[in-house]
Amino acid sequence: MERYGEKEPGKRLKKLIGPFLLRRTKSQVLEELPPRTEIVLHVEMSPEESAFYEVLRQQAVQQIEQTDGPIEQKNFRILAELMRLRRACCNSRLVMPESLIPSTKLALFHKVSEELLENRHKVLVFSQFVDHLTILRQSLDQRGVAYQYLDGSTPPKERKRRVDAFQAGEGDIFLISLKAGGLGINLTAADYVIHMDPWWNPAVEDQASDRAHRIGQMRPVTIYRLVTKGTIEEKIVDLHRHKRDLADGLLEGGEMSARMSAEDLLRLIREEG
């Protein structure tokens, strides 16, 4: 249904499940929460970055086509090449550590975070790539910005200590790996959230953003998504929109994450931005 864009099956499914569902959205249940605004910040690659990305994309297509077997058996290779492209959208050093190409996404992060800190805001920063967070840490250290940090390797006691410290005012930025910090923590000291790279399932990002937008939050929350133009990142965000539209039609705002076929994934690589 999602893959072929068919609307009639969705209407029939909604009619069938309707009598068995009583769903309330977060905004309906928690009316006291302040407003939440989501903004996509488009990152324009430099000519050097664009050329680097395009070489990777063409190499990916070539590597996949040279892999023996039917398309379904190439799934692992396709996913690996998609991962390389997604990492290249963040910083060329995530694909080629010795690269000297400046990252426009890192530059935009500098600009946005400096403006927020100048206006006394506190910020949660999420990335799915721990080595991307490492680059951000190095940048913040060079600028002398106080921050907290959490990823999947952080022990539970240390995790709690860092969360409590941030809530108490120690650090203006909290760098968090998406999967490690997406659930179970309260970070209402922050009123801004920055997603450095889009994840396939928008519900995962929503849960991460809810670390700030939850009971106890007294200020409006703004969520920035940094998306690199003309790349796989834009295609992932388009998929987000489609998944949310489909879910809205069935459950009025529920979650849905259908598995994409190998052919669908390959199409994301073959099609130029």
C-alpha atoms as a PDB file:
ATOM      1  CA  MET A   1       0.000   0.000   0.000  1.00  0.00           C
ATOM      2  CA  GLU A   2       2.768   2.441   0.976  1.00  0.00           C
ATOM      3  CA  ARG A   3       5.076   1.295  -1.797  1.00  0.00           C
ATOM      4  CA  TYR A   4       2.564   1.671  -4.640  1.00  0.00           C
ATOM      5  CA  GLY A   5       0.707   4.702  -3.313  1.00  0.00           C
ATOM      6  CA  GLU A   6      -2.676   3.012  -3.408  1.00  0.00           C
ATOM      7  CA  LYS A   7      -5.360   4.947  -1.514  1.00  0.00           C
ATOM      8  CA  GLU A   8      -8.354   2.579  -1.582  1.00  0.00           C
ATOM      9  CA  PRO A   9      -6.719  -0.151   0.596  1.00  0.00           C
ATOM     10  CA  GLY A  10      -5.880   2.545   3.135  1.00  0.00           C
ATOM     11  CA  LYS A  11      -9.465   3.761   3.234  1.00  0.00           C
ATOM     12  CA  ARG A  12     -10.738   0.199   3.724  1.00  0.00           C
ATOM     13  CA  LEU A  13      -8.200  -0.453   6.475  1.00  0.00           C
ATOM     14  CA  LYS A  14      -9.139   2.773   8.276  1.00  0.00           C
ATOM     15  CA  LYS A  15     -12.818   1.786   8.112  1.00  0.00           C
ATOM     16  CA  LEU A  16     -12.062  -1.690   9.511  1.00  0.00           C
ATOM     17  CA  ILE A  17      -9.910  -0.574  12.437  1.00  0.00           C
ATOM     18  CA  GLY A  18     -11.886   2.571  13.276  1.00  0.00           C
ATOM     19  CA  PRO A  19     -14.349   0.939  15.742  1.00  0.00           C
ATOM     20  CA  PHE A  20     -11.461  -0.570  17.722  1.00  0.00           C
ATOM     21  CA  LEU A  21      -9.331   2.552  18.111  1.00  0.00           C
ATOM     22  CA  LEU A  22      -9.637   5.386  20.587  1.00  0.00           C
ATOM     23  CA  ARG A  23      -6.545   7.430  19.952  1.00  0.00           C
ATOM     24  CA  ARG A  24      -5.514  10.684  21.573  1.00  0.00           C
ATOM     25  CA  THR A  25      -2.605  12.720  20.298  1.00  0.00           C
ATOM     26  CA  LYS A  26       0.018  14.155  22.612  1.00  0.00           C
ATOM     27  CA  SER A  27      -1.344  17.665  22.110  1.00  0.00           C
ATOM     28  CA  GLN A  28      -4.835  16.506  23.108  1.00  0.00           C
ATOM     29  CA  VAL A  29      -3.746  14.700  26.261  1.00  0.00           C
ATOM     30  CA  LEU A  30      -1.138  17.240  27.393  1.00  0.00           C
ATOM     31  CA  GLU A  31      -2.842  20.506  26.592  1.00  0.00           C
ATOM     32  CA  GLU A  32      -0.609  22.372  29.035  1.00  0.00           C
ATOM     33  CA  LEU A  33       2.498  21.782  26.898  1.00  0.00           C
ATOM     34  CA  PRO A  34       3.931  24.874  25.167  1.00  0.00           C
ATOM     35  CA  PRO A  35       3.935  25.010  21.361  1.00  0.00           C
ATOM     36  CA  ARG A  36       6.444  23.017  19.316  1.00  0.00           C
ATOM     37  CA  THR A  37       7.823  24.278  15.994  1.00  0.00           C
ATOM     38  CA  GLU A  38       9.764  22.166  13.472  1.00  0.00           C
ATOM     39  CA  ILE A  39      12.014  23.814  10.892  1.00  0.00           C
ATOM     40  CA  VAL A  40      14.154  22.243   8.153  1.00  0.00           C
ATOM     41  CA  LEU A  41      17.453  24.068   7.625  1.00  0.00           C
ATOM     42  CA  HIS A  42      18.781  23.268   4.168  1.00  0.00           C
ATOM     43  CA  VAL A  43      22.531  22.781   3.863  1.00  0.00           C
ATOM     44  CA  GLU A  44      24.039  23.867   0.539  1.00  0.00           C
ATOM     45  CA  MET A  45      27.161  21.808  -0.202  1.00  0.00           C
ATOM     46  CA  SER A  46      30.276  23.533  -1.444  1.00  0.00           C
ATOM     47  CA  PRO A  47      31.447  22.616  -4.981  1.00  0.00           C
ATOM     48  CA  GLU A  48      34.157  20.425  -3.425  1.00  0.00           C
ATOM     49  CA  GLU A  49      31.650  18.592  -1.240  1.00  0.00           C
ATOM     50  CA  SER A  50      29.228  18.134  -4.148  1.00  0.00           C
ATOM     51  CA  ALA A  51      31.963  16.649  -6.316  1.00  0.00           C
ATOM     52  CA  PHE A  52      33.041  14.347  -3.473  1.00  0.00           C
ATOM     53  CA  TYR A  53      29.450  13.199  -2.934  1.00  0.00           C
ATOM     54  CA  GLU A  54      28.818  12.610  -6.642  1.00  0.00           C
ATOM     55  CA  VAL A  55      31.932  10.445  -6.963  1.00  0.00           C
ATOM     56  CA  LEU A  56      30.723   8.360  -4.020  1.00  0.00           C
ATOM     57  CA  ARG A  57      27.263   8.055  -5.558  1.00  0.00           C
ATOM     58  CA  GLN A  58      28.590   6.888  -8.909  1.00  0.00           C
ATOM     59  CA  GLN A  59      30.951   4.451  -7.201  1.00  0.00           C
ATOM     60  CA  ALA A  60      28.024   3.091  -5.190  1.00  0.00           C
ATOM     61  CA  VAL A  61      25.975   2.397  -8.325  1.00  0.00           C
ATOM     62  CA  GLN A  62      28.967   0.694  -9.933  1.00  0.00           C
ATOM     63  CA  GLN A  63      29.719  -1.450  -6.859  1.00  0.00           C
ATOM     64  CA  ILE A  64      26.100  -2.603  -6.604  1.00  0.00           C
ATOM     65  CA  GLU A  65      25.835  -3.424 -10.305  1.00  0.00           C
ATOM     66  CA  GLN A  66      29.041  -5.481 -10.094  1.00  0.00           C
ATOM     67  CA  THR A  67      27.694  -7.533  -7.186  1.00  0.00           C
ATOM     68  CA  ASP A  68      26.503 -10.928  -8.423  1.00  0.00           C
ATOM     69  CA  GLY A  69      22.988 -12.207  -7.871  1.00  0.00           C
ATOM     70  CA  PRO A  70      19.425 -10.893  -8.098  1.00  0.00           C
ATOM     71  CA  ILE A  71      18.553  -7.488  -6.706  1.00  0.00           C
ATOM     72  CA  GLU A  72      17.122  -8.942  -3.486  1.00  0.00           C
ATOM     73  CA  GLN A  73      20.501 -10.501  -2.649  1.00  0.00           C
ATOM     74  CA  LYS A  74      22.242  -7.146  -3.032  1.00  0.00           C
ATOM     75  CA  ASN A  75      20.413  -5.625  -0.085  1.00  0.00           C
ATOM     76  CA  PHE A  76      23.418  -5.630   2.257  1.00  0.00           C
ATOM     77  CA  ARG A  77      25.620  -3.892  -0.330  1.00  0.00           C
ATOM     78  CA  ILE A  78      22.917  -1.313  -1.064  1.00  0.00           C
ATOM     79  CA  LEU A  79      22.492  -0.493   2.630  1.00  0.00           C
ATOM     80  CA  ALA A  80      26.261  -0.165   3.052  1.00  0.00           C
ATOM     81  CA  GLU A  81      26.501   2.271   0.146  1.00  0.00           C
ATOM     82  CA  LEU A  82      23.540   4.269   1.444  1.00  0.00           C
ATOM     83  CA  MET A  83      25.300   4.544   4.786  1.00  0.00           C
ATOM     84  CA  ARG A  84      28.431   5.949   3.116  1.00  0.00           C
ATOM     85  CA  LEU A  85      26.368   8.552   1.269  1.00  0.00           C
ATOM     86  CA  ARG A  86      24.521   9.563   4.418  1.00  0.00           C
ATOM     87  CA  ARG A  87      27.792   9.966   6.310  1.00  0.00           C
ATOM     88  CA  ALA A  88      29.257  12.032   3.440  1.00  0.00           C
ATOM     89  CA  CYS A  89      26.307  14.417   3.772  1.00  0.00           C
ATOM     90  CA  CYS A  90      27.438  15.199   7.319  1.00  0.00           C
ATOM     91  CA  ASN A  91      31.180  15.522   6.851  1.00  0.00           C
ATOM     92  CA  SER A  92      33.573  14.089   4.273  1.00  0.00           C
ATOM     93  CA  ARG A  93      35.844  13.014   7.159  1.00  0.00           C
ATOM     94  CA  LEU A  94      33.231  10.415   8.147  1.00  0.00           C
ATOM     95  CA  VAL A  95      33.985   8.627   4.869  1.00  0.00           C
ATOM     96  CA  MET A  96      37.608   9.671   4.329  1.00  0.00           C
ATOM     97  CA  PRO A  97      39.227  10.637   7.669  1.00  0.00           C
ATOM     98  CA  GLU A  98      42.135  12.387   5.940  1.00  0.00           C
ATOM     99  CA  SER A  99      39.815  14.654   3.923  1.00  0.00           C
ATOM    100  CA  LEU A 100      40.512  18.380   4.167  1.00  0.00           C
ATOM    101  CA  ILE A 101      37.197  19.459   2.614  1.00  0.00           C
ATOM    102  CA  PRO A 102      35.449  21.865   5.023  1.00  0.00           C
ATOM    103  CA  SER A 103      31.982  20.763   6.113  1.00  0.00           C
ATOM    104  CA  THR A 104      29.188  23.229   5.347  1.00  0.00           C
ATOM    105  CA  LYS A 105      26.918  21.348   7.745  1.00  0.00           C
ATOM    106  CA  LEU A 106      29.441  21.854  10.549  1.00  0.00           C
ATOM    107  CA  ALA A 107      29.670  25.544   9.608  1.00  0.00           C
ATOM    108  CA  LEU A 108      25.873  25.861   9.794  1.00  0.00           C
ATOM    109  CA  PHE A 109      25.883  24.118  13.175  1.00  0.00           C
ATOM    110  CA  HIS A 110      28.444  26.690  14.375  1.00  0.00           C
ATOM    111  CA  LYS A 111      26.279  29.571  13.173  1.00  0.00           C
ATOM    112  CA  VAL A 112      23.009  28.264  14.606  1.00  0.00           C
ATOM    113  CA  SER A 113      24.432  27.180  17.959  1.00  0.00           C
ATOM    114  CA  GLU A 114      26.300  30.466  18.470  1.00  0.00           C
ATOM    115  CA  GLU A 115      23.120  32.466  17.840  1.00  0.00           C
ATOM    116  CA  LEU A 116      21.157  30.299  20.263  1.00  0.00           C
ATOM    117  CA  LEU A 117      23.754  30.512  23.009  1.00  0.00           C
ATOM    118  CA  GLU A 118      24.052  34.280  22.586  1.00  0.00           C
ATOM    119  CA  ASN A 119      20.322  34.458  23.306  1.00  0.00           C
ATOM    120  CA  ARG A 120      20.661  32.241  26.389  1.00  0.00           C
ATOM    121  CA  HIS A 121      18.992  29.145  24.958  1.00  0.00           C
ATOM    122  CA  LYS A 122      19.992  25.570  25.774  1.00  0.00           C
ATOM    123  CA  VAL A 123      20.216  22.995  23.017  1.00  0.00           C
ATOM    124  CA  LEU A 124      19.937  19.221  22.513  1.00  0.00           C
ATOM    125  CA  VAL A 125      21.941  17.978  19.521  1.00  0.00           C
ATOM    126  CA  PHE A 126      21.215  14.515  18.107  1.00  0.00           C
ATOM    127  CA  SER A 127      23.168  12.460  15.575  1.00  0.00           C
ATOM    128  CA  GLN A 128      22.963   8.775  14.728  1.00  0.00           C
ATOM    129  CA  PHE A 129      26.730   8.702  14.111  1.00  0.00           C
ATOM    130  CA  VAL A 130      28.946   8.708  17.201  1.00  0.00           C
ATOM    131  CA  ASP A 131      31.975   9.799  15.162  1.00  0.00           C
ATOM    132  CA  HIS A 132      29.942  12.747  13.892  1.00  0.00           C
ATOM    133  CA  LEU A 133      29.339  13.704  17.525  1.00  0.00           C
ATOM    134  CA  THR A 134      33.104  13.390  18.066  1.00  0.00           C
ATOM    135  CA  ILE A 135      33.690  16.035  15.394  1.00  0.00           C
ATOM    136  CA  LEU A 136      31.113  18.279  17.069  1.00  0.00           C
ATOM    137  CA  ARG A 137      32.811  17.750  20.435  1.00  0.00           C
ATOM    138  CA  GLN A 138      36.166  18.777  18.992  1.00  0.00           C
ATOM    139  CA  SER A 139      34.570  21.882  17.520  1.00  0.00           C
ATOM    140  CA  LEU A 140      32.909  22.856  20.815  1.00  0.00           C
ATOM    141  CA  ASP A 141      36.165  22.263  22.709  1.00  0.00           C
ATOM    142  CA  GLN A 142      37.998  24.591  20.322  1.00  0.00           C
ATOM    143  CA  ARG A 143      35.332  27.264  20.845  1.00  0.00           C
ATOM    144  CA  GLY A 144      35.312  26.823  24.614  1.00  0.00           C
ATOM    145  CA  VAL A 145      31.618  25.921  24.766  1.00  0.00           C
ATOM    146  CA  ALA A 146      30.477  23.962  27.839  1.00  0.00           C
ATOM    147  CA  TYR A 147      28.490  20.834  26.959  1.00  0.00           C
ATOM    148  CA  GLN A 148      27.343  17.412  28.143  1.00  0.00           C
ATOM    149  CA  TYR A 149      27.724  14.217  26.113  1.00  0.00           C
ATOM    150  CA  LEU A 150      25.918  10.877  26.001  1.00  0.00           C
ATOM    151  CA  ASP A 151      26.101   7.854  23.720  1.00  0.00           C
ATOM    152  CA  GLY A 152      25.396   4.134  23.942  1.00  0.00           C
ATOM    153  CA  SER A 153      28.656   3.439  25.782  1.00  0.00           C
ATOM    154  CA  THR A 154      27.856   5.840  28.643  1.00  0.00           C
ATOM    155  CA  PRO A 155      27.304   3.803  31.879  1.00  0.00           C
ATOM    156  CA  PRO A 156      23.847   4.232  33.486  1.00  0.00           C
ATOM    157  CA  LYS A 157      25.146   6.056  36.581  1.00  0.00           C
ATOM    158  CA  GLU A 158      27.227   8.447  34.488  1.00  0.00           C
ATOM    159  CA  ARG A 159      24.307   8.923  32.125  1.00  0.00           C
ATOM    160  CA  LYS A 160      22.084  10.011  35.030  1.00  0.00           C
ATOM    161  CA  ARG A 161      24.811  12.289  36.411  1.00  0.00           C
ATOM    162  CA  ARG A 162      25.191  14.074  33.077  1.00  0.00           C
ATOM    163  CA  VAL A 163      21.438  14.463  32.605  1.00  0.00           C
ATOM    164  CA  ASP A 164      21.071  15.875  36.123  1.00  0.00           C
ATOM    165  CA  ALA A 165      24.032  18.202  35.548  1.00  0.00           C
ATOM    166  CA  PHE A 166      22.500  19.571  32.333  1.00  0.00           C
ATOM    167  CA  GLN A 167      19.145  20.083  34.032  1.00  0.00           C
ATOM    168  CA  ALA A 168      20.952  21.940  36.822  1.00  0.00           C
ATOM    169  CA  GLY A 169      22.627  24.328  34.384  1.00  0.00           C
ATOM    170  CA  GLU A 170      26.001  22.680  33.710  1.00  0.00           C
ATOM    171  CA  GLY A 171      26.524  23.023  29.976  1.00  0.00           C
ATOM    172  CA  ASP A 172      24.533  24.859  27.313  1.00  0.00           C
ATOM    173  CA  ILE A 173      24.590  22.047  24.738  1.00  0.00           C
ATOM    174  CA  PHE A 174      23.908  18.320  25.164  1.00  0.00           C
ATOM    175  CA  LEU A 175      25.341  16.089  22.419  1.00  0.00           C
ATOM    176  CA  ILE A 176      23.416  12.806  22.271  1.00  0.00           C
ATOM    177  CA  SER A 177      23.517   9.754  20.015  1.00  0.00           C
ATOM    178  CA  LEU A 178      20.032   9.282  18.594  1.00  0.00           C
ATOM    179  CA  LYS A 179      19.439   5.700  19.709  1.00  0.00           C
ATOM    180  CA  ALA A 180      20.987   6.150  23.188  1.00  0.00           C
ATOM    181  CA  GLY A 181      19.113   9.318  24.125  1.00  0.00           C
ATOM    182  CA  GLY A 182      15.826   8.957  22.307  1.00  0.00           C
ATOM    183  CA  LEU A 183      13.898   7.495  25.227  1.00  0.00           C
ATOM    184  CA  GLY A 184      13.619   7.625  28.981  1.00  0.00           C
ATOM    185  CA  ILE A 185      15.335  10.896  29.866  1.00  0.00           C
ATOM    186  CA  ASN A 186      14.001  14.318  30.806  1.00  0.00           C
ATOM    187  CA  LEU A 187      15.886  17.280  29.354  1.00  0.00           C
ATOM    188  CA  THR A 188      13.404  20.124  29.709  1.00  0.00           C
ATOM    189  CA  ALA A 189      16.214  22.581  30.483  1.00  0.00           C
ATOM    190  CA  ALA A 190      16.639  22.758  26.687  1.00  0.00           C
ATOM    191  CA  ASP A 191      14.201  24.666  24.500  1.00  0.00           C
ATOM    192  CA  TYR A 192      15.921  23.961  21.169  1.00  0.00           C
ATOM    193  CA  VAL A 193      16.659  20.629  19.467  1.00  0.00           C
ATOM    194  CA  ILE A 194      18.981  20.120  16.498  1.00  0.00           C
ATOM    195  CA  HIS A 195      18.911  16.901  14.453  1.00  0.00           C
ATOM    196  CA  MET A 196      22.203  16.787  12.571  1.00  0.00           C
ATOM    197  CA  ASP A 197      21.191  13.953  10.212  1.00  0.00           C
ATOM    198  CA  PRO A 198      17.806  12.426   9.311  1.00  0.00           C
ATOM    199  CA  TRP A 199      16.950   8.867  10.365  1.00  0.00           C
ATOM    200  CA  TRP A 200      14.771   6.579   8.226  1.00  0.00           C
ATOM    201  CA  ASN A 201      11.923   6.451  10.744  1.00  0.00           C
ATOM    202  CA  PRO A 202      10.583   9.900  11.689  1.00  0.00           C
ATOM    203  CA  ALA A 203       9.055   8.492  14.895  1.00  0.00           C
ATOM    204  CA  VAL A 204      12.576   7.913  16.272  1.00  0.00           C
ATOM    205  CA  GLU A 205      13.418  11.594  15.778  1.00  0.00           C
ATOM    206  CA  ASP A 206      10.092  12.633  17.291  1.00  0.00           C
ATOM    207  CA  GLN A 207      10.815  10.572  20.413  1.00  0.00           C
ATOM    208  CA  ALA A 208      14.235  12.193  20.701  1.00  0.00           C
ATOM    209  CA  SER A 209      12.717  15.677  20.380  1.00  0.00           C
ATOM    210  CA  ASP A 210      10.279  14.759  23.135  1.00  0.00           C
ATOM    211  CA  ARG A 211      13.194  14.753  25.603  1.00  0.00           C
ATOM    212  CA  ALA A 212      12.700  18.543  25.639  1.00  0.00           C
ATOM    213  CA  HIS A 213       9.018  18.840  24.700  1.00  0.00           C
ATOM    214  CA  ARG A 214       7.416  17.082  27.658  1.00  0.00           C
ATOM    215  CA  ILE A 215       5.787  17.717  31.028  1.00  0.00           C
ATOM    216  CA  GLY A 216       7.861  20.276  32.899  1.00  0.00           C
ATOM    217  CA  GLN A 217       8.762  22.302  29.820  1.00  0.00           C
ATOM    218  CA  MET A 218       7.705  25.917  30.302  1.00  0.00           C
ATOM    219  CA  ARG A 219       8.995  27.452  27.056  1.00  0.00           C
ATOM    220  CA  PRO A 220       8.127  26.939  23.386  1.00  0.00           C
ATOM    221  CA  VAL A 221      10.350  24.273  21.804  1.00  0.00           C
ATOM    222  CA  THR A 222      11.932  24.700  18.371  1.00  0.00           C
ATOM    223  CA  ILE A 223      13.304  21.714  16.450  1.00  0.00           C
ATOM    224  CA  TYR A 224      15.827  22.199  13.650  1.00  0.00           C
ATOM    225  CA  ARG A 225      16.599  19.474  11.123  1.00  0.00           C
ATOM    226  CA  LEU A 226      19.780  19.985   9.107  1.00  0.00           C
ATOM    227  CA  VAL A 227      19.227  18.473   5.660  1.00  0.00           C
ATOM    228  CA  THR A 228      21.773  18.570   2.845  1.00  0.00           C
ATOM    229  CA  LYS A 229      20.229  19.657  -0.452  1.00  0.00           C
ATOM    230  CA  GLY A 230      20.396  17.439  -3.524  1.00  0.00           C
ATOM    231  CA  THR A 231      21.404  14.322  -1.571  1.00  0.00           C
ATOM    232  CA  ILE A 232      20.064  11.146   0.004  1.00  0.00           C
ATOM    233  CA  GLU A 233      19.106  13.248   3.041  1.00  0.00           C
ATOM    234  CA  GLU A 234      16.430  15.110   1.075  1.00  0.00           C
ATOM    235  CA  LYS A 235      15.040  11.800  -0.147  1.00  0.00           C
ATOM    236  CA  ILE A 236      14.859  10.481   3.416  1.00  0.00           C
ATOM    237  CA  VAL A 237      12.942  13.599   4.500  1.00  0.00           C
ATOM    238  CA  ASP A 238      10.551  13.081   1.563  1.00  0.00           C
ATOM    239  CA  LEU A 239       9.997   9.525   2.834  1.00  0.00           C
ATOM    240  CA  HIS A 240       9.275  10.983   6.280  1.00  0.00           C
ATOM    241  CA  ARG A 241       6.528  13.116   4.766  1.00  0.00           C
ATOM    242  CA  HIS A 242       5.016  10.160   2.937  1.00  0.00           C
ATOM    243  CA  LYS A 243       5.084   7.928   6.024  1.00  0.00           C
ATOM    244  CA  ARG A 244       3.447  10.618   8.136  1.00  0.00           C
ATOM    245  CA  ASP A 245       0.784  11.286   5.480  1.00  0.00           C
ATOM    246  CA  LEU A 246      -0.027   7.589   5.257  1.00  0.00           C
ATOM    247  CA  ALA A 247      -0.142   7.248   9.025  1.00  0.00           C
ATOM    248  CA  ASP A 248      -2.350  10.331   9.348  1.00  0.00           C
ATOM    249  CA  GLY A 249      -4.810   8.772   6.933  1.00  0.00           C
ATOM    250  CA  LEU A 250      -5.069   5.568   8.973  1.00  0.00           C
ATOM    251  CA  LEU A 251      -4.506   6.548  12.588  1.00  0.00           C
ATOM    252  CA  GLU A 252      -4.666  10.350  12.572  1.00  0.00           C
ATOM    253  CA  GLY A 253      -1.017  10.733  13.525  1.00  0.00           C
ATOM    254  CA  GLY A 254       0.263   7.244  14.319  1.00  0.00           C
ATOM    255  CA  GLU A 255       3.587   5.678  13.483  1.00  0.00           C
ATOM    256  CA  MET A 256       4.367   3.556  10.450  1.00  0.00           C
ATOM    257  CA  SER A 257       7.662   2.304   9.135  1.00  0.00           C
ATOM    258  CA  ALA A 258       7.319  -0.111   6.228  1.00  0.00           C
ATOM    259  CA  ARG A 259      10.344  -2.035   5.025  1.00  0.00           C
ATOM    260  CA  MET A 260      11.575  -0.791   1.669  1.00  0.00           C
ATOM    261  CA  SER A 261      12.497  -3.250  -1.060  1.00  0.00           C
ATOM    262  CA  ALA A 262      16.040  -3.519  -2.415  1.00  0.00           C
ATOM    263  CA  GLU A 263      14.826  -1.966  -5.673  1.00  0.00           C
ATOM    264  CA  ASP A 264      13.361   1.012  -3.807  1.00  0.00           C
ATOM    265  CA  LEU A 265      16.623   1.524  -1.920  1.00  0.00           C
ATOM    266  CA  LEU A 266      18.689   1.260  -5.087  1.00  0.00           C
ATOM    267  CA  ARG A 267      16.489   3.861  -6.745  1.00  0.00           C
ATOM    268  CA  LEU A 268      17.442   6.322  -3.992  1.00  0.00           C
ATOM    269  CA  ILE A 269      21.090   5.959  -5.027  1.00  0.00           C
ATOM    270  CA  ARG A 270      20.607   5.914  -8.802  1.00  0.00           C
ATOM    271  CA  GLU A 271      18.500   9.047  -8.945  1.00  0.00           C
ATOM    272  CA  GLU A 272      20.565  12.192  -8.749  1.00  0.00           C
ATOM    273  CA  GLY A 273      19.484  14.834  -6.250  1.00  0.00           C
END
